[in-house]
């Protein structure tokens, strides 16, 4: 083998040193990557979430001959005395109760600090409110009144997400121009300035139907909070 000159020997040493440095750097980088695995899903923000019963008024049952006339009401059946079985009021209360319980349970399973409320929520956080509606023959959005005589087999369910830093925003407004029809509630305009989900669901949904909607609400809320952490910080 031919002898290397001084310049050749120096070049070989420098090359060897470079290879050793590169190998050491790669090993150090691999060690750091192994110690800090990447999370596939961001953590759920620990923002308080309050669930209000969704609005679903019902027609009062017709009075019997031996009872006093029943007063018409537009309030949620869950806020009234216990209605008779198989009446529109009983059906409405069963549905709103099912949605509220299922949604709270679904949110809790996904890591949210969720609570069902019937009054104004305290402090800051997120409030979920909803209203059942349907379309009339003119494709106007009407607030649903269960038992009023509509032939529609499905609801629209609008669910709004409210930042409790600004708690006074409406879920919807009554349209200034109305088309009176005893089969429907008033024409409404859902609030376009808040995050709003819209679902279509059977008027007699199964628990599986309710669960699917509640799962989607929870997933949409998680995405919203992840992309707006500062806005919902408390």
C-alpha atoms as a PDB file:
ATOM      1  CA  UNK A   1       0.000   0.000   0.000  1.00  0.00           C
ATOM      2  CA  UNK A   2       1.327   3.414  -0.883  1.00  0.00           C
ATOM      3  CA  UNK A   3       2.178   5.689   2.022  1.00  0.00           C
ATOM      4  CA  UNK A   4      -0.084   8.722   2.514  1.00  0.00           C
ATOM      5  CA  UNK A   5       1.425  12.138   2.635  1.00  0.00           C
ATOM      6  CA  UNK A   6       0.728  14.560   5.466  1.00  0.00           C
ATOM      7  CA  UNK A   7      -2.074  16.214   3.502  1.00  0.00           C
ATOM      8  CA  UNK A   8      -3.753  12.863   2.751  1.00  0.00           C
ATOM      9  CA  UNK A   9      -3.554  11.775   6.371  1.00  0.00           C
ATOM     10  CA  UNK A  10      -5.136  15.047   7.556  1.00  0.00           C
ATOM     11  CA  UNK A  11      -7.991  14.725   5.060  1.00  0.00           C
ATOM     12  CA  UNK A  12      -8.736  11.151   6.220  1.00  0.00           C
ATOM     13  CA  UNK A  13      -8.818  12.267   9.868  1.00  0.00           C
ATOM     14  CA  UNK A  14     -11.193  15.117   9.101  1.00  0.00           C
ATOM     15  CA  UNK A  15     -13.515  12.847   7.143  1.00  0.00           C
ATOM     16  CA  UNK A  16     -13.536  10.284   9.943  1.00  0.00           C
ATOM     17  CA  UNK A  17     -14.295  13.008  12.508  1.00  0.00           C
ATOM     18  CA  UNK A  18     -17.194  14.235  10.364  1.00  0.00           C
ATOM     19  CA  UNK A  19     -18.679  10.759  10.106  1.00  0.00           C
ATOM     20  CA  UNK A  20     -18.448  10.251  13.857  1.00  0.00           C
ATOM     21  CA  UNK A  21     -20.112  13.635  14.503  1.00  0.00           C
ATOM     22  CA  UNK A  22     -22.907  12.855  12.070  1.00  0.00           C
ATOM     23  CA  UNK A  23     -23.518   9.447  13.654  1.00  0.00           C
ATOM     24  CA  UNK A  24     -23.544  10.983  17.123  1.00  0.00           C
ATOM     25  CA  UNK A  25     -25.996  13.663  16.008  1.00  0.00           C
ATOM     26  CA  UNK A  26     -28.343  11.104  14.469  1.00  0.00           C
ATOM     27  CA  UNK A  27     -28.244   8.975  17.606  1.00  0.00           C
ATOM     28  CA  UNK A  28     -29.013  12.006  19.790  1.00  0.00           C
ATOM     29  CA  UNK A  29     -31.925  13.019  17.541  1.00  0.00           C
ATOM     30  CA  UNK A  30     -33.341   9.499  17.619  1.00  0.00           C
ATOM     31  CA  UNK A  31     -33.100   9.486  21.397  1.00  0.00           C
ATOM     32  CA  UNK A  32     -35.038  12.753  21.673  1.00  0.00           C
ATOM     33  CA  UNK A  33     -37.726  11.509  19.264  1.00  0.00           C
ATOM     34  CA  UNK A  34     -38.088   8.308  21.267  1.00  0.00           C
ATOM     35  CA  UNK A  35     -38.531  10.265  24.499  1.00  0.00           C
ATOM     36  CA  UNK A  36     -41.200  12.644  23.113  1.00  0.00           C
ATOM     37  CA  UNK A  37     -43.790  10.606  21.155  1.00  0.00           C
ATOM     38  CA  UNK A  38     -46.252  12.660  19.119  1.00  0.00           C
ATOM     39  CA  UNK A  39     -49.891  12.729  20.304  1.00  0.00           C
ATOM     40  CA  UNK A  40     -52.383  11.692  17.636  1.00  0.00           C
ATOM     41  CA  UNK A  41     -55.217  13.729  19.175  1.00  0.00           C
ATOM     42  CA  UNK A  42     -55.087  17.013  21.103  1.00  0.00           C
ATOM     43  CA  UNK A  43     -56.421  16.965  24.648  1.00  0.00           C
ATOM     44  CA  UNK A  44     -59.981  18.143  25.220  1.00  0.00           C
ATOM     45  CA  UNK A  45     -60.033  21.646  26.717  1.00  0.00           C
ATOM     46  CA  UNK A  46     -61.213  21.664  30.345  1.00  0.00           C
ATOM     47  CA  UNK A  47     -63.856  24.292  29.720  1.00  0.00           C
ATOM     48  CA  UNK A  48     -67.134  23.893  31.673  1.00  0.00           C
ATOM     49  CA  UNK A  49     -69.950  22.828  29.338  1.00  0.00           C
ATOM     50  CA  UNK A  50     -73.595  23.374  30.297  1.00  0.00           C
ATOM     51  CA  UNK A  51     -76.440  21.600  28.504  1.00  0.00           C
ATOM     52  CA  UNK A  52     -79.878  23.202  28.474  1.00  0.00           C
ATOM     53  CA  UNK A  53     -82.994  21.172  27.620  1.00  0.00           C
ATOM     54  CA  UNK A  54     -83.802  21.622  23.938  1.00  0.00           C
ATOM     55  CA  UNK A  55     -86.969  23.568  23.169  1.00  0.00           C
ATOM     56  CA  UNK A  56     -89.916  21.398  22.158  1.00  0.00           C
ATOM     57  CA  UNK A  57     -93.336  22.847  23.039  1.00  0.00           C
ATOM     58  CA  UNK A  58     -96.402  20.615  22.710  1.00  0.00           C
ATOM     59  CA  UNK A  59    -100.135  21.037  22.292  1.00  0.00           C
ATOM     60  CA  UNK A  60    -102.059  20.603  25.524  1.00  0.00           C
ATOM     61  CA  UNK A  61    -104.399  17.581  25.528  1.00  0.00           C
ATOM     62  CA  UNK A  62    -108.067  18.219  24.829  1.00  0.00           C
ATOM     63  CA  UNK A  63    -110.106  18.558  28.054  1.00  0.00           C
ATOM     64  CA  UNK A  64    -112.492  15.785  29.029  1.00  0.00           C
ATOM     65  CA  UNK A  65    -116.147  16.483  29.907  1.00  0.00           C
ATOM     66  CA  UNK A  66    -115.448  16.175  33.621  1.00  0.00           C
ATOM     67  CA  UNK A  67    -112.385  18.407  33.769  1.00  0.00           C
ATOM     68  CA  UNK A  68    -111.746  22.107  33.563  1.00  0.00           C
ATOM     69  CA  UNK A  69    -110.496  23.465  30.204  1.00  0.00           C
ATOM     70  CA  UNK A  70    -106.725  23.136  29.756  1.00  0.00           C
ATOM     71  CA  UNK A  71    -104.822  26.336  29.114  1.00  0.00           C
ATOM     72  CA  UNK A  72    -102.720  26.472  25.960  1.00  0.00           C
ATOM     73  CA  UNK A  73     -99.016  26.877  26.604  1.00  0.00           C
ATOM     74  CA  UNK A  74     -95.837  27.277  24.629  1.00  0.00           C
ATOM     75  CA  UNK A  75     -93.442  26.371  27.422  1.00  0.00           C
ATOM     76  CA  UNK A  76     -91.272  23.275  27.470  1.00  0.00           C
ATOM     77  CA  UNK A  77     -93.229  20.300  28.887  1.00  0.00           C
ATOM     78  CA  UNK A  78     -90.274  19.497  31.176  1.00  0.00           C
ATOM     79  CA  UNK A  79     -90.976  22.754  33.023  1.00  0.00           C
ATOM     80  CA  UNK A  80     -94.611  21.850  33.735  1.00  0.00           C
ATOM     81  CA  UNK A  81     -96.474  19.329  35.844  1.00  0.00           C
ATOM     82  CA  UNK A  82     -96.180  15.690  34.793  1.00  0.00           C
ATOM     83  CA  UNK A  83     -98.342  15.181  31.651  1.00  0.00           C
ATOM     84  CA  UNK A  84    -100.524  12.149  30.994  1.00  0.00           C
ATOM     85  CA  UNK A  85     -98.890   9.175  29.168  1.00  0.00           C
ATOM     86  CA  UNK A  86     -99.047   9.101  25.345  1.00  0.00           C
ATOM     87  CA  UNK A  87     -99.941  12.779  25.031  1.00  0.00           C
ATOM     88  CA  UNK A  88     -97.851  15.178  22.924  1.00  0.00           C
ATOM     89  CA  UNK A  89     -96.608  16.727  26.167  1.00  0.00           C
ATOM     90  CA  UNK A  90     -95.409  13.350  27.463  1.00  0.00           C
ATOM     91  CA  UNK A  91     -93.702  12.567  24.165  1.00  0.00           C
ATOM     92  CA  UNK A  92     -91.991  15.967  24.113  1.00  0.00           C
ATOM     93  CA  UNK A  93     -90.773  15.604  27.668  1.00  0.00           C
ATOM     94  CA  UNK A  94     -89.451  12.095  26.987  1.00  0.00           C
ATOM     95  CA  UNK A  95     -87.543  13.327  23.927  1.00  0.00           C
ATOM     96  CA  UNK A  96     -86.016  16.421  25.545  1.00  0.00           C
ATOM     97  CA  UNK A  97     -85.037  14.371  28.601  1.00  0.00           C
ATOM     98  CA  UNK A  98     -83.435  11.682  26.434  1.00  0.00           C
ATOM     99  CA  UNK A  99     -81.391  14.246  24.494  1.00  0.00           C
ATOM    100  CA  UNK A 100     -80.226  16.078  27.611  1.00  0.00           C
ATOM    101  CA  UNK A 101     -79.134  12.927  29.472  1.00  0.00           C
ATOM    102  CA  UNK A 102     -77.485  11.338  26.429  1.00  0.00           C
ATOM    103  CA  UNK A 103     -75.636  14.510  25.466  1.00  0.00           C
ATOM    104  CA  UNK A 104     -74.260  15.057  28.977  1.00  0.00           C
ATOM    105  CA  UNK A 105     -73.135  11.423  29.223  1.00  0.00           C
ATOM    106  CA  UNK A 106     -71.520  11.576  25.772  1.00  0.00           C
ATOM    107  CA  UNK A 107     -69.646  14.778  26.585  1.00  0.00           C
ATOM    108  CA  UNK A 108     -68.416  13.374  29.896  1.00  0.00           C
ATOM    109  CA  UNK A 109     -67.135  10.199  28.213  1.00  0.00           C
ATOM    110  CA  UNK A 110     -65.129  12.392  25.840  1.00  0.00           C
ATOM    111  CA  UNK A 111     -63.508  14.236  28.737  1.00  0.00           C
ATOM    112  CA  UNK A 112     -65.695  17.329  29.008  1.00  0.00           C
ATOM    113  CA  UNK A 113     -66.843  18.721  32.348  1.00  0.00           C
ATOM    114  CA  UNK A 114     -70.505  18.685  31.296  1.00  0.00           C
ATOM    115  CA  UNK A 115     -73.574  19.502  33.410  1.00  0.00           C
ATOM    116  CA  UNK A 116     -77.289  19.632  32.642  1.00  0.00           C
ATOM    117  CA  UNK A 117     -78.920  22.857  33.792  1.00  0.00           C
ATOM    118  CA  UNK A 118     -82.413  24.340  33.872  1.00  0.00           C
ATOM    119  CA  UNK A 119     -81.437  27.859  34.947  1.00  0.00           C
ATOM    120  CA  UNK A 120     -78.908  30.467  33.896  1.00  0.00           C
ATOM    121  CA  UNK A 121     -75.417  28.899  33.984  1.00  0.00           C
ATOM    122  CA  UNK A 122     -72.891  30.316  36.437  1.00  0.00           C
ATOM    123  CA  UNK A 123     -69.567  31.878  35.505  1.00  0.00           C
ATOM    124  CA  UNK A 124     -67.873  31.268  32.188  1.00  0.00           C
ATOM    125  CA  UNK A 125     -67.667  28.337  29.808  1.00  0.00           C
ATOM    126  CA  UNK A 126     -69.891  26.954  27.051  1.00  0.00           C
ATOM    127  CA  UNK A 127     -73.676  26.660  26.906  1.00  0.00           C
ATOM    128  CA  UNK A 128     -75.372  24.292  24.448  1.00  0.00           C
ATOM    129  CA  UNK A 129     -78.949  25.208  23.550  1.00  0.00           C
ATOM    130  CA  UNK A 130     -81.228  23.671  20.952  1.00  0.00           C
ATOM    131  CA  UNK A 131     -84.636  24.030  19.343  1.00  0.00           C
ATOM    132  CA  UNK A 132     -86.697  21.529  17.368  1.00  0.00           C
ATOM    133  CA  UNK A 133     -88.127  22.915  14.130  1.00  0.00           C
ATOM    134  CA  UNK A 134     -89.587  21.806  10.807  1.00  0.00           C
ATOM    135  CA  UNK A 135     -90.204  23.150   7.319  1.00  0.00           C
ATOM    136  CA  UNK A 136     -93.654  24.147   6.093  1.00  0.00           C
ATOM    137  CA  UNK A 137     -95.005  23.909   2.538  1.00  0.00           C
ATOM    138  CA  UNK A 138     -93.192  27.147   1.625  1.00  0.00           C
ATOM    139  CA  UNK A 139     -89.914  25.754   3.010  1.00  0.00           C
ATOM    140  CA  UNK A 140     -89.976  28.253   5.863  1.00  0.00           C
ATOM    141  CA  UNK A 141     -88.366  27.113   9.115  1.00  0.00           C
ATOM    142  CA  UNK A 142     -90.998  26.820  11.841  1.00  0.00           C
ATOM    143  CA  UNK A 143     -90.551  26.154  15.522  1.00  0.00           C
ATOM    144  CA  UNK A 144     -91.961  22.707  16.212  1.00  0.00           C
ATOM    145  CA  UNK A 145     -95.117  22.300  18.303  1.00  0.00           C
ATOM    146  CA  UNK A 146     -95.578  18.601  18.890  1.00  0.00           C
ATOM    147  CA  UNK A 147     -99.145  17.412  18.330  1.00  0.00           C
ATOM    148  CA  UNK A 148    -100.267  20.484  16.377  1.00  0.00           C
ATOM    149  CA  UNK A 149    -101.131  18.448  13.283  1.00  0.00           C
ATOM    150  CA  UNK A 150     -98.108  18.748  11.006  1.00  0.00           C
ATOM    151  CA  UNK A 151     -97.722  15.824   8.581  1.00  0.00           C
ATOM    152  CA  UNK A 152     -93.906  15.999   8.621  1.00  0.00           C
ATOM    153  CA  UNK A 153     -92.239  12.813   9.827  1.00  0.00           C
ATOM    154  CA  UNK A 154     -88.949  14.479  10.692  1.00  0.00           C
ATOM    155  CA  UNK A 155     -87.608  17.328  12.788  1.00  0.00           C
ATOM    156  CA  UNK A 156     -84.848  19.788  12.210  1.00  0.00           C
ATOM    157  CA  UNK A 157     -82.748  20.176  15.331  1.00  0.00           C
ATOM    158  CA  UNK A 158     -80.680  23.353  15.633  1.00  0.00           C
ATOM    159  CA  UNK A 159     -78.015  23.305  18.361  1.00  0.00           C
ATOM    160  CA  UNK A 160     -76.133  26.514  19.149  1.00  0.00           C
ATOM    161  CA  UNK A 161     -72.842  26.852  21.029  1.00  0.00           C
ATOM    162  CA  UNK A 162     -72.741  29.927  23.256  1.00  0.00           C
ATOM    163  CA  UNK A 163     -69.616  31.441  24.759  1.00  0.00           C
ATOM    164  CA  UNK A 164     -70.722  32.537  28.238  1.00  0.00           C
ATOM    165  CA  UNK A 165     -68.516  35.601  27.952  1.00  0.00           C
ATOM    166  CA  UNK A 166     -71.428  36.882  25.802  1.00  0.00           C
ATOM    167  CA  UNK A 167     -74.417  34.986  27.236  1.00  0.00           C
ATOM    168  CA  UNK A 168     -77.255  37.182  25.930  1.00  0.00           C
ATOM    169  CA  UNK A 169     -77.186  36.148  22.271  1.00  0.00           C
ATOM    170  CA  UNK A 170     -80.408  34.496  21.026  1.00  0.00           C
ATOM    171  CA  UNK A 171     -80.608  30.965  19.646  1.00  0.00           C
ATOM    172  CA  UNK A 172     -83.114  32.209  17.074  1.00  0.00           C
ATOM    173  CA  UNK A 173     -85.392  35.146  16.370  1.00  0.00           C
ATOM    174  CA  UNK A 174     -89.057  35.232  15.413  1.00  0.00           C
ATOM    175  CA  UNK A 175     -89.276  36.269  11.751  1.00  0.00           C
ATOM    176  CA  UNK A 176     -90.833  39.715  11.213  1.00  0.00           C
ATOM    177  CA  UNK A 177     -93.211  38.315   8.562  1.00  0.00           C
ATOM    178  CA  UNK A 178     -95.366  35.393   9.677  1.00  0.00           C
ATOM    179  CA  UNK A 179     -97.718  32.991   7.872  1.00  0.00           C
ATOM    180  CA  UNK A 180    -100.213  31.864  10.520  1.00  0.00           C
ATOM    181  CA  UNK A 181    -100.940  28.126  10.346  1.00  0.00           C
ATOM    182  CA  UNK A 182    -102.323  26.089  13.265  1.00  0.00           C
ATOM    183  CA  UNK A 183    -100.230  23.071  12.284  1.00  0.00           C
ATOM    184  CA  UNK A 184     -96.949  24.857  12.976  1.00  0.00           C
ATOM    185  CA  UNK A 185     -95.238  27.167  15.381  1.00  0.00           C
ATOM    186  CA  UNK A 186     -93.961  30.594  14.329  1.00  0.00           C
ATOM    187  CA  UNK A 187     -91.472  31.125  11.517  1.00  0.00           C
ATOM    188  CA  UNK A 188     -88.010  31.465  13.053  1.00  0.00           C
ATOM    189  CA  UNK A 189     -84.553  32.582  11.951  1.00  0.00           C
ATOM    190  CA  UNK A 190     -81.673  30.665  13.614  1.00  0.00           C
ATOM    191  CA  UNK A 191     -78.844  32.928  14.742  1.00  0.00           C
ATOM    192  CA  UNK A 192     -76.182  32.982  12.013  1.00  0.00           C
ATOM    193  CA  UNK A 193     -73.619  34.677  14.286  1.00  0.00           C
ATOM    194  CA  UNK A 194     -72.989  31.774  16.634  1.00  0.00           C
ATOM    195  CA  UNK A 195     -71.628  28.275  15.903  1.00  0.00           C
ATOM    196  CA  UNK A 196     -74.725  26.310  14.920  1.00  0.00           C
ATOM    197  CA  UNK A 197     -75.229  22.624  14.076  1.00  0.00           C
ATOM    198  CA  UNK A 198     -78.265  21.420  12.138  1.00  0.00           C
ATOM    199  CA  UNK A 199     -79.534  17.849  12.226  1.00  0.00           C
ATOM    200  CA  UNK A 200     -82.466  16.040  10.643  1.00  0.00           C
ATOM    201  CA  UNK A 201     -84.066  13.383  12.834  1.00  0.00           C
ATOM    202  CA  UNK A 202     -87.273  11.341  12.966  1.00  0.00           C
ATOM    203  CA  UNK A 203     -90.043  12.680  15.182  1.00  0.00           C
ATOM    204  CA  UNK A 204     -90.023   9.326  16.949  1.00  0.00           C
ATOM    205  CA  UNK A 205     -86.279   8.638  17.056  1.00  0.00           C
ATOM    206  CA  UNK A 206     -84.671   5.548  18.506  1.00  0.00           C
ATOM    207  CA  UNK A 207     -82.036   5.804  21.209  1.00  0.00           C
ATOM    208  CA  UNK A 208     -79.480   4.981  18.501  1.00  0.00           C
ATOM    209  CA  UNK A 209     -80.657   8.035  16.534  1.00  0.00           C
ATOM    210  CA  UNK A 210     -80.335  10.222  19.625  1.00  0.00           C
ATOM    211  CA  UNK A 211     -76.871   8.857  20.381  1.00  0.00           C
ATOM    212  CA  UNK A 212     -75.629   9.553  16.839  1.00  0.00           C
ATOM    213  CA  UNK A 213     -76.701  13.185  17.058  1.00  0.00           C
ATOM    214  CA  UNK A 214     -75.181  13.638  20.533  1.00  0.00           C
ATOM    215  CA  UNK A 215     -71.889  12.070  19.406  1.00  0.00           C
ATOM    216  CA  UNK A 216     -71.719  14.478  16.476  1.00  0.00           C
ATOM    217  CA  UNK A 217     -72.462  17.455  18.737  1.00  0.00           C
ATOM    218  CA  UNK A 218     -69.619  16.417  21.063  1.00  0.00           C
ATOM    219  CA  UNK A 219     -67.168  15.954  18.181  1.00  0.00           C
ATOM    220  CA  UNK A 220     -68.082  19.314  16.648  1.00  0.00           C
ATOM    221  CA  UNK A 221     -67.683  21.026  20.021  1.00  0.00           C
ATOM    222  CA  UNK A 222     -64.231  19.516  20.480  1.00  0.00           C
ATOM    223  CA  UNK A 223     -63.136  20.789  17.066  1.00  0.00           C
ATOM    224  CA  UNK A 224     -64.523  24.240  17.808  1.00  0.00           C
ATOM    225  CA  UNK A 225     -62.735  24.531  21.151  1.00  0.00           C
ATOM    226  CA  UNK A 226     -59.463  23.215  19.757  1.00  0.00           C
ATOM    227  CA  UNK A 227     -59.456  25.860  17.029  1.00  0.00           C
ATOM    228  CA  UNK A 228     -60.597  28.695  19.351  1.00  0.00           C
ATOM    229  CA  UNK A 229     -58.791  28.008  22.628  1.00  0.00           C
ATOM    230  CA  UNK A 230     -58.203  31.663  23.446  1.00  0.00           C
ATOM    231  CA  UNK A 231     -61.793  32.680  22.742  1.00  0.00           C
ATOM    232  CA  UNK A 232     -63.183  30.109  25.197  1.00  0.00           C
ATOM    233  CA  UNK A 233     -60.416  30.386  27.812  1.00  0.00           C
ATOM    234  CA  UNK A 234     -61.654  30.988  31.334  1.00  0.00           C
END
